[in-house]
């Protein structure tokens, strides 16, 4: 299933590019992922039948390539996945996070990705509509946290 979301930042492209690279370098992308994942766990447990969600993983792994600067944009490729107990309940997200100059002093932060549903999840065990809603909400939450940190670098450090 595909997910996409974008946010308009009130910072210039050069500043946004440097701050996004700093998030990756400083490991703060992992913090944004853990917080978004925590919300996903809550959303998934609310959408499942009672008792269906046993011990869920509380660990998130984020892998990111170096920020690639291209003509008029910057691209960060990431893989986001839960690890540990219950990791088979969550899809893996492969996504591109892109910065694109907008207006005079603004920047668009965009996430385009694909969630691969875990092989253990079948239509009769978990409604794919619920899974898609959780995946979309998680991607939006994740991008929102990145946007806050790019707009205000002390947000995730606090």
N, C-alpha and C. Protein backbone atom coordinates (compact mmCIF):
# COMPACT_ATOMS: atom_id res chain seq x y z
N UNK A 1 0.84 -1.17 0.00
CA UNK A 1 0.00 0.00 0.00
C UNK A 1 0.89 1.24 0.00
N UNK A 2 0.45 2.23 -0.74
CA UNK A 2 1.24 3.44 -0.89
C UNK A 2 0.75 4.52 0.07
N UNK A 3 1.69 5.32 0.55
CA UNK A 3 1.37 6.44 1.41
C UNK A 3 2.13 7.66 0.92
N UNK A 4 1.56 8.81 1.14
CA UNK A 4 2.22 10.05 0.78
C UNK A 4 1.66 11.18 1.63
N UNK A 5 2.50 12.13 1.88
CA UNK A 5 2.09 13.28 2.69
C UNK A 5 3.11 14.38 2.46
N UNK A 6 2.67 15.63 2.54
CA UNK A 6 3.62 16.73 2.43
C UNK A 6 3.26 17.84 3.38
N UNK A 7 4.29 18.62 3.73
CA UNK A 7 4.15 19.73 4.66
C UNK A 7 4.93 20.90 4.08
N UNK A 8 4.37 22.09 4.16
CA UNK A 8 5.07 23.30 3.74
C UNK A 8 5.80 23.88 4.95
N UNK A 9 7.11 24.03 4.83
CA UNK A 9 7.93 24.57 5.91
C UNK A 9 8.19 26.05 5.66
N UNK A 10 8.25 26.81 6.72
CA UNK A 10 8.56 28.24 6.61
C UNK A 10 10.04 28.50 6.84
N UNK A 11 10.86 27.65 6.26
CA UNK A 11 12.32 27.85 6.28
C UNK A 11 12.81 27.65 4.85
N UNK A 12 13.90 28.32 4.54
CA UNK A 12 14.47 28.21 3.21
C UNK A 12 15.04 26.83 2.93
N UNK A 13 15.21 26.53 1.66
CA UNK A 13 15.67 25.23 1.22
C UNK A 13 17.05 24.88 1.80
N UNK A 14 17.97 25.82 1.77
CA UNK A 14 19.32 25.55 2.29
C UNK A 14 19.32 25.21 3.77
N UNK A 15 18.54 25.94 4.54
CA UNK A 15 18.43 25.69 5.97
C UNK A 15 17.76 24.35 6.22
N UNK A 16 16.66 24.09 5.50
CA UNK A 16 15.94 22.82 5.67
C UNK A 16 16.84 21.63 5.32
N UNK A 17 17.59 21.76 4.26
CA UNK A 17 18.51 20.69 3.83
C UNK A 17 19.54 20.40 4.91
N UNK A 18 20.15 21.43 5.45
CA UNK A 18 21.16 21.24 6.50
C UNK A 18 20.54 20.63 7.76
N UNK A 19 19.36 21.07 8.13
CA UNK A 19 18.71 20.54 9.33
C UNK A 19 18.27 19.09 9.15
N UNK A 20 17.77 18.73 7.97
CA UNK A 20 17.39 17.34 7.73
C UNK A 20 18.61 16.44 7.78
N UNK A 21 19.70 16.87 7.18
CA UNK A 21 20.95 16.10 7.25
C UNK A 21 21.41 15.96 8.69
N UNK A 22 21.24 17.01 9.49
CA UNK A 22 21.60 16.96 10.90
C UNK A 22 20.75 15.97 11.68
N UNK A 23 19.46 15.88 11.36
CA UNK A 23 18.59 14.92 12.03
C UNK A 23 19.08 13.49 11.82
N UNK A 24 19.51 13.21 10.62
CA UNK A 24 20.02 11.87 10.30
C UNK A 24 21.33 11.65 11.04
N UNK A 25 22.23 12.61 10.94
CA UNK A 25 23.56 12.49 11.54
C UNK A 25 23.49 12.36 13.06
N UNK A 26 22.59 13.11 13.69
CA UNK A 26 22.49 13.14 15.15
C UNK A 26 21.63 12.01 15.72
N UNK A 27 21.04 11.19 14.85
CA UNK A 27 20.20 10.09 15.31
C UNK A 27 18.80 10.52 15.72
N UNK A 28 18.44 11.75 15.42
CA UNK A 28 17.13 12.24 15.85
C UNK A 28 15.99 11.70 14.99
N UNK A 29 16.32 11.17 13.84
CA UNK A 29 15.30 10.54 13.01
C UNK A 29 14.72 9.33 13.73
N UNK A 30 15.55 8.66 14.52
CA UNK A 30 15.10 7.51 15.30
C UNK A 30 14.10 7.95 16.36
N UNK A 31 14.34 9.10 16.98
CA UNK A 31 13.41 9.61 18.00
C UNK A 31 12.05 9.89 17.36
N UNK A 32 12.06 10.56 16.21
CA UNK A 32 10.80 10.84 15.50
C UNK A 32 10.09 9.54 15.16
N UNK A 33 10.85 8.53 14.77
CA UNK A 33 10.27 7.23 14.42
C UNK A 33 9.65 6.55 15.63
N UNK A 34 10.34 6.56 16.74
CA UNK A 34 9.81 5.92 17.95
C UNK A 34 8.51 6.57 18.41
N UNK A 35 8.47 7.89 18.34
CA UNK A 35 7.26 8.59 18.76
C UNK A 35 6.09 8.30 17.81
N UNK A 36 6.37 8.29 16.51
CA UNK A 36 5.31 7.96 15.54
C UNK A 36 4.88 6.52 15.71
N UNK A 37 5.82 5.64 15.98
CA UNK A 37 5.51 4.23 16.19
C UNK A 37 4.64 4.03 17.43
N UNK A 38 4.94 4.76 18.48
CA UNK A 38 4.12 4.66 19.69
C UNK A 38 2.67 5.00 19.41
N UNK A 39 2.45 6.01 18.59
CA UNK A 39 1.08 6.35 18.20
C UNK A 39 0.47 5.26 17.32
N UNK A 40 1.29 4.63 16.48
CA UNK A 40 0.79 3.54 15.62
C UNK A 40 0.36 2.35 16.46
N UNK A 41 1.12 2.03 17.50
CA UNK A 41 0.77 0.91 18.37
C UNK A 41 -0.59 1.17 19.01
N UNK A 42 -0.79 2.40 19.48
CA UNK A 42 -2.06 2.77 20.08
C UNK A 42 -3.19 2.63 19.06
N UNK A 43 -2.96 3.16 17.85
CA UNK A 43 -3.98 3.08 16.80
C UNK A 43 -4.28 1.66 16.39
N UNK A 44 -3.26 0.84 16.28
CA UNK A 44 -3.47 -0.54 15.88
C UNK A 44 -4.21 -1.31 16.96
N UNK A 45 -3.83 -1.10 18.20
CA UNK A 45 -4.49 -1.83 19.28
C UNK A 45 -5.96 -1.42 19.41
N UNK A 46 -6.27 -0.15 19.09
CA UNK A 46 -7.67 0.30 19.15
C UNK A 46 -8.49 -0.28 18.00
N UNK A 47 -7.83 -0.58 16.87
CA UNK A 47 -8.54 -1.08 15.70
C UNK A 47 -8.65 -2.59 15.64
N UNK A 48 -8.06 -3.30 16.60
CA UNK A 48 -8.06 -4.76 16.58
C UNK A 48 -9.08 -5.31 17.56
N UNK A 49 -9.48 -6.56 17.34
CA UNK A 49 -10.37 -7.19 18.30
C UNK A 49 -9.72 -7.27 19.67
N UNK A 50 -10.50 -7.25 20.75
CA UNK A 50 -9.93 -7.31 22.10
C UNK A 50 -9.04 -8.53 22.27
N UNK A 51 -7.88 -8.31 22.86
CA UNK A 51 -6.95 -9.40 23.14
C UNK A 51 -6.14 -9.86 21.94
N UNK A 52 -6.38 -9.27 20.75
CA UNK A 52 -5.68 -9.74 19.56
C UNK A 52 -4.22 -9.33 19.55
N UNK A 53 -3.92 -8.16 20.12
CA UNK A 53 -2.56 -7.64 20.07
C UNK A 53 -1.82 -8.03 21.34
N UNK A 54 -1.02 -9.12 21.28
CA UNK A 54 -0.25 -9.50 22.45
C UNK A 54 0.91 -8.53 22.64
N UNK A 55 2.01 -8.94 23.26
CA UNK A 55 3.15 -8.05 23.48
C UNK A 55 3.68 -7.46 22.19
N UNK A 56 3.51 -6.16 22.03
CA UNK A 56 3.96 -5.48 20.82
C UNK A 56 5.39 -5.01 20.97
N UNK A 57 6.08 -4.97 19.86
CA UNK A 57 7.45 -4.47 19.85
C UNK A 57 7.48 -3.02 20.29
N UNK A 58 8.49 -2.66 21.02
CA UNK A 58 8.64 -1.27 21.42
C UNK A 58 9.90 -0.66 20.81
N UNK A 59 10.50 -1.37 19.86
CA UNK A 59 11.74 -0.92 19.25
C UNK A 59 11.50 -0.65 17.77
N UNK A 60 12.03 0.47 17.32
CA UNK A 60 11.92 0.84 15.92
C UNK A 60 13.32 0.99 15.36
N UNK A 61 13.51 0.48 14.17
CA UNK A 61 14.80 0.63 13.49
C UNK A 61 14.58 1.51 12.27
N UNK A 62 15.43 2.49 12.11
CA UNK A 62 15.39 3.37 10.94
C UNK A 62 16.73 3.28 10.25
N UNK A 63 16.69 2.98 8.98
CA UNK A 63 17.89 2.99 8.17
C UNK A 63 17.73 4.12 7.16
N UNK A 64 18.75 4.94 7.02
CA UNK A 64 18.68 6.06 6.09
C UNK A 64 19.97 6.13 5.30
N UNK A 65 19.82 6.43 4.06
CA UNK A 65 21.00 6.68 3.21
C UNK A 65 21.41 8.14 3.41
N UNK A 66 22.57 8.48 2.91
CA UNK A 66 22.99 9.88 2.97
C UNK A 66 22.04 10.74 2.15
N UNK A 67 21.89 11.96 2.58
CA UNK A 67 21.06 12.92 1.86
C UNK A 67 21.69 13.18 0.49
N UNK A 68 20.90 13.03 -0.56
CA UNK A 68 21.38 13.24 -1.92
C UNK A 68 20.82 14.57 -2.42
N UNK A 69 21.72 15.43 -2.87
CA UNK A 69 21.33 16.74 -3.38
C UNK A 69 21.29 16.65 -4.90
N UNK A 70 20.16 16.98 -5.44
CA UNK A 70 19.99 17.00 -6.90
C UNK A 70 19.52 18.37 -7.31
N UNK A 71 19.44 18.59 -8.58
CA UNK A 71 18.98 19.89 -9.08
C UNK A 71 17.64 20.26 -8.46
N UNK A 72 17.64 21.24 -7.61
CA UNK A 72 16.41 21.76 -7.05
C UNK A 72 15.73 20.90 -6.00
N UNK A 73 16.41 19.88 -5.48
CA UNK A 73 15.79 19.07 -4.43
C UNK A 73 16.85 18.33 -3.63
N UNK A 74 16.41 17.81 -2.51
CA UNK A 74 17.27 16.95 -1.68
C UNK A 74 16.44 15.72 -1.35
N UNK A 75 17.07 14.55 -1.38
CA UNK A 75 16.35 13.29 -1.21
C UNK A 75 17.00 12.45 -0.13
N UNK A 76 16.16 11.96 0.78
CA UNK A 76 16.59 11.06 1.83
C UNK A 76 15.77 9.78 1.70
N UNK A 77 16.43 8.66 1.50
CA UNK A 77 15.75 7.38 1.39
C UNK A 77 15.84 6.67 2.73
N UNK A 78 14.67 6.21 3.24
CA UNK A 78 14.64 5.59 4.56
C UNK A 78 13.87 4.26 4.51
N UNK A 79 14.22 3.41 5.45
CA UNK A 79 13.45 2.20 5.74
C UNK A 79 13.12 2.26 7.21
N UNK A 80 11.86 2.07 7.53
CA UNK A 80 11.36 2.15 8.90
C UNK A 80 10.69 0.82 9.21
N UNK A 81 11.10 0.21 10.33
CA UNK A 81 10.47 -1.04 10.71
C UNK A 81 10.55 -1.27 12.20
N UNK A 82 9.55 -1.98 12.70
CA UNK A 82 9.54 -2.38 14.10
C UNK A 82 10.41 -3.62 14.24
N UNK A 83 11.07 -3.74 15.38
CA UNK A 83 11.88 -4.92 15.65
C UNK A 83 11.52 -5.42 17.04
N UNK A 84 11.86 -6.65 17.33
CA UNK A 84 11.58 -7.21 18.64
C UNK A 84 10.23 -7.90 18.66
N UNK A 85 9.71 -8.18 19.87
CA UNK A 85 8.44 -8.90 20.01
C UNK A 85 7.31 -8.18 19.29
N UNK A 86 6.54 -8.90 18.52
CA UNK A 86 5.42 -8.31 17.82
C UNK A 86 5.76 -7.62 16.53
N UNK A 87 7.03 -7.66 16.10
CA UNK A 87 7.42 -6.95 14.88
C UNK A 87 6.70 -7.46 13.64
N UNK A 88 6.26 -8.70 13.66
CA UNK A 88 5.57 -9.27 12.51
C UNK A 88 4.19 -8.65 12.30
N UNK A 89 3.71 -7.89 13.26
CA UNK A 89 2.41 -7.25 13.13
C UNK A 89 2.46 -5.96 12.32
N UNK A 90 3.66 -5.42 12.13
CA UNK A 90 3.78 -4.11 11.51
C UNK A 90 4.43 -4.19 10.14
N UNK A 91 3.88 -3.42 9.21
CA UNK A 91 4.49 -3.37 7.89
C UNK A 91 5.80 -2.60 7.92
N UNK A 92 6.63 -2.85 6.93
CA UNK A 92 7.88 -2.12 6.75
C UNK A 92 7.60 -0.97 5.80
N UNK A 93 8.11 0.21 6.12
CA UNK A 93 7.94 1.37 5.25
C UNK A 93 9.26 1.65 4.54
N UNK A 94 9.21 1.67 3.22
CA UNK A 94 10.32 2.15 2.41
C UNK A 94 9.85 3.46 1.81
N UNK A 95 10.60 4.54 2.06
CA UNK A 95 10.10 5.85 1.64
C UNK A 95 11.21 6.77 1.20
N UNK A 96 10.83 7.72 0.39
CA UNK A 96 11.68 8.84 0.02
C UNK A 96 11.13 10.07 0.72
N UNK A 97 12.02 10.76 1.40
CA UNK A 97 11.67 12.04 2.01
C UNK A 97 12.41 13.09 1.20
N UNK A 98 11.64 13.99 0.63
CA UNK A 98 12.21 14.94 -0.32
C UNK A 98 11.97 16.37 0.14
N UNK A 99 12.96 17.20 -0.05
CA UNK A 99 12.84 18.65 0.16
C UNK A 99 12.84 19.32 -1.20
N UNK A 100 11.89 20.23 -1.40
CA UNK A 100 11.78 20.94 -2.66
C UNK A 100 11.56 22.41 -2.34
N UNK A 101 12.36 23.31 -2.94
CA UNK A 101 12.15 24.74 -2.69
C UNK A 101 10.74 25.16 -3.10
N UNK A 102 10.15 26.03 -2.30
CA UNK A 102 8.81 26.54 -2.60
C UNK A 102 8.77 28.00 -2.21
N UNK A 103 8.14 28.78 -3.03
CA UNK A 103 8.04 30.21 -2.78
C UNK A 103 9.43 30.82 -2.58
N UNK A 104 9.45 32.01 -2.05
CA UNK A 104 10.72 32.70 -1.85
C UNK A 104 11.56 32.08 -0.74
N UNK A 105 10.93 31.80 0.40
CA UNK A 105 11.70 31.34 1.55
C UNK A 105 11.12 30.08 2.18
N UNK A 106 10.33 29.35 1.44
CA UNK A 106 9.73 28.14 1.97
C UNK A 106 10.27 26.88 1.32
N UNK A 107 9.93 25.76 1.91
CA UNK A 107 10.38 24.46 1.41
C UNK A 107 9.26 23.45 1.63
N UNK A 108 9.02 22.60 0.64
CA UNK A 108 8.08 21.50 0.79
C UNK A 108 8.86 20.29 1.27
N UNK A 109 8.35 19.66 2.32
CA UNK A 109 8.88 18.41 2.83
C UNK A 109 7.86 17.35 2.47
N UNK A 110 8.26 16.36 1.68
CA UNK A 110 7.32 15.37 1.15
C UNK A 110 7.81 13.96 1.43
N UNK A 111 6.87 13.10 1.82
CA UNK A 111 7.16 11.68 2.00
C UNK A 111 6.32 10.90 1.00
N UNK A 112 6.98 10.06 0.22
CA UNK A 112 6.32 9.13 -0.69
C UNK A 112 6.89 7.77 -0.38
N UNK A 113 6.01 6.83 -0.05
CA UNK A 113 6.52 5.53 0.32
C UNK A 113 5.54 4.41 0.09
N UNK A 114 6.02 3.24 0.39
CA UNK A 114 5.20 2.04 0.26
C UNK A 114 5.39 1.20 1.52
N UNK A 115 4.27 0.80 2.09
CA UNK A 115 4.27 -0.14 3.20
C UNK A 115 4.08 -1.53 2.62
N UNK A 116 4.89 -2.44 3.06
CA UNK A 116 4.71 -3.84 2.70
C UNK A 116 4.05 -4.53 3.89
N UNK A 117 2.79 -4.98 3.72
CA UNK A 117 2.15 -5.65 4.85
C UNK A 117 2.96 -6.88 5.25
N UNK A 118 3.05 -7.15 6.53
CA UNK A 118 3.80 -8.31 6.98
C UNK A 118 3.15 -9.59 6.48
N UNK A 119 3.95 -10.61 6.17
CA UNK A 119 3.39 -11.84 5.64
C UNK A 119 2.45 -12.54 6.62
N UNK A 120 2.61 -12.27 7.90
CA UNK A 120 1.77 -12.94 8.90
C UNK A 120 0.35 -12.38 8.94
N UNK A 121 0.13 -11.25 8.28
CA UNK A 121 -1.19 -10.63 8.35
C UNK A 121 -1.99 -11.01 7.11
N UNK A 122 -3.11 -11.62 7.34
CA UNK A 122 -4.00 -11.97 6.25
C UNK A 122 -5.31 -11.23 6.44
N UNK A 123 -6.09 -11.17 5.39
CA UNK A 123 -7.34 -10.42 5.43
C UNK A 123 -8.28 -10.88 6.52
N UNK A 124 -8.24 -12.16 6.88
CA UNK A 124 -9.17 -12.63 7.90
C UNK A 124 -8.67 -12.35 9.31
N UNK A 125 -7.41 -12.00 9.49
CA UNK A 125 -6.90 -11.72 10.84
C UNK A 125 -6.92 -10.24 11.17
N UNK A 126 -6.75 -9.42 10.18
CA UNK A 126 -6.75 -7.98 10.44
C UNK A 126 -7.28 -7.28 9.20
N UNK A 127 -8.23 -6.46 9.40
CA UNK A 127 -8.84 -5.73 8.30
C UNK A 127 -7.80 -4.84 7.64
N UNK A 128 -7.60 -5.03 6.35
CA UNK A 128 -6.60 -4.24 5.63
C UNK A 128 -6.93 -2.75 5.62
N UNK A 129 -8.20 -2.43 5.75
CA UNK A 129 -8.58 -1.02 5.82
C UNK A 129 -8.01 -0.40 7.09
N UNK A 130 -8.10 -1.13 8.21
CA UNK A 130 -7.54 -0.64 9.47
C UNK A 130 -6.03 -0.50 9.33
N UNK A 131 -5.38 -1.51 8.74
CA UNK A 131 -3.93 -1.46 8.56
C UNK A 131 -3.53 -0.26 7.70
N UNK A 132 -4.29 0.00 6.64
CA UNK A 132 -3.98 1.14 5.78
C UNK A 132 -4.14 2.46 6.52
N UNK A 133 -5.18 2.56 7.33
CA UNK A 133 -5.40 3.79 8.13
C UNK A 133 -4.24 4.01 9.10
N UNK A 134 -3.84 2.95 9.75
CA UNK A 134 -2.73 3.06 10.70
C UNK A 134 -1.45 3.43 9.97
N UNK A 135 -1.20 2.80 8.82
CA UNK A 135 0.01 3.09 8.05
C UNK A 135 0.03 4.55 7.59
N UNK A 136 -1.10 5.02 7.10
CA UNK A 136 -1.19 6.41 6.64
C UNK A 136 -0.99 7.38 7.80
N UNK A 137 -1.66 7.12 8.91
CA UNK A 137 -1.52 7.99 10.08
C UNK A 137 -0.09 7.98 10.61
N UNK A 138 0.55 6.82 10.60
CA UNK A 138 1.93 6.73 11.08
C UNK A 138 2.87 7.52 10.19
N UNK A 139 2.71 7.39 8.87
CA UNK A 139 3.55 8.14 7.93
C UNK A 139 3.35 9.64 8.11
N UNK A 140 2.10 10.07 8.29
CA UNK A 140 1.83 11.49 8.50
C UNK A 140 2.43 11.98 9.82
N UNK A 141 2.30 11.17 10.85
CA UNK A 141 2.87 11.52 12.16
C UNK A 141 4.39 11.63 12.05
N UNK A 142 5.01 10.64 11.42
CA UNK A 142 6.46 10.61 11.24
C UNK A 142 6.92 11.86 10.49
N UNK A 143 6.26 12.18 9.38
CA UNK A 143 6.66 13.35 8.60
C UNK A 143 6.40 14.63 9.38
N UNK A 144 5.31 14.67 10.13
CA UNK A 144 5.03 15.86 10.95
C UNK A 144 6.11 16.12 11.98
N UNK A 145 6.61 15.05 12.59
CA UNK A 145 7.69 15.19 13.58
C UNK A 145 8.98 15.66 12.92
N UNK A 146 9.25 15.15 11.74
CA UNK A 146 10.43 15.60 11.00
C UNK A 146 10.27 17.07 10.64
N UNK A 147 9.08 17.45 10.18
CA UNK A 147 8.82 18.84 9.82
C UNK A 147 9.03 19.77 11.01
N UNK A 148 8.52 19.37 12.18
CA UNK A 148 8.72 20.19 13.38
C UNK A 148 10.19 20.34 13.71
N UNK A 149 10.94 19.26 13.59
CA UNK A 149 12.37 19.30 13.92
C UNK A 149 13.16 20.12 12.91
N UNK A 150 12.76 20.06 11.64
CA UNK A 150 13.46 20.87 10.62
C UNK A 150 13.12 22.34 10.82
N UNK A 151 11.88 22.63 11.15
CA UNK A 151 11.47 24.02 11.38
C UNK A 151 12.06 24.58 12.68
N UNK A 152 12.18 23.72 13.70
CA UNK A 152 12.69 24.13 15.00
C UNK A 152 13.63 23.04 15.52
N UNK A 153 14.94 23.18 15.31
CA UNK A 153 15.89 22.11 15.62
C UNK A 153 15.91 21.61 17.05
N UNK A 154 15.38 22.37 18.00
CA UNK A 154 15.40 21.90 19.39
C UNK A 154 14.17 21.07 19.73
N UNK A 155 13.21 20.94 18.83
CA UNK A 155 11.96 20.20 19.10
C UNK A 155 12.21 18.78 19.59
N UNK A 156 12.98 17.99 18.86
CA UNK A 156 13.21 16.59 19.23
C UNK A 156 14.30 16.44 20.27
N UNK A 157 15.09 17.46 20.45
CA UNK A 157 16.19 17.36 21.42
C UNK A 157 15.69 17.60 22.84
N UNK A 158 14.54 18.28 22.95
CA UNK A 158 14.01 18.69 24.23
C UNK A 158 13.68 17.54 25.08
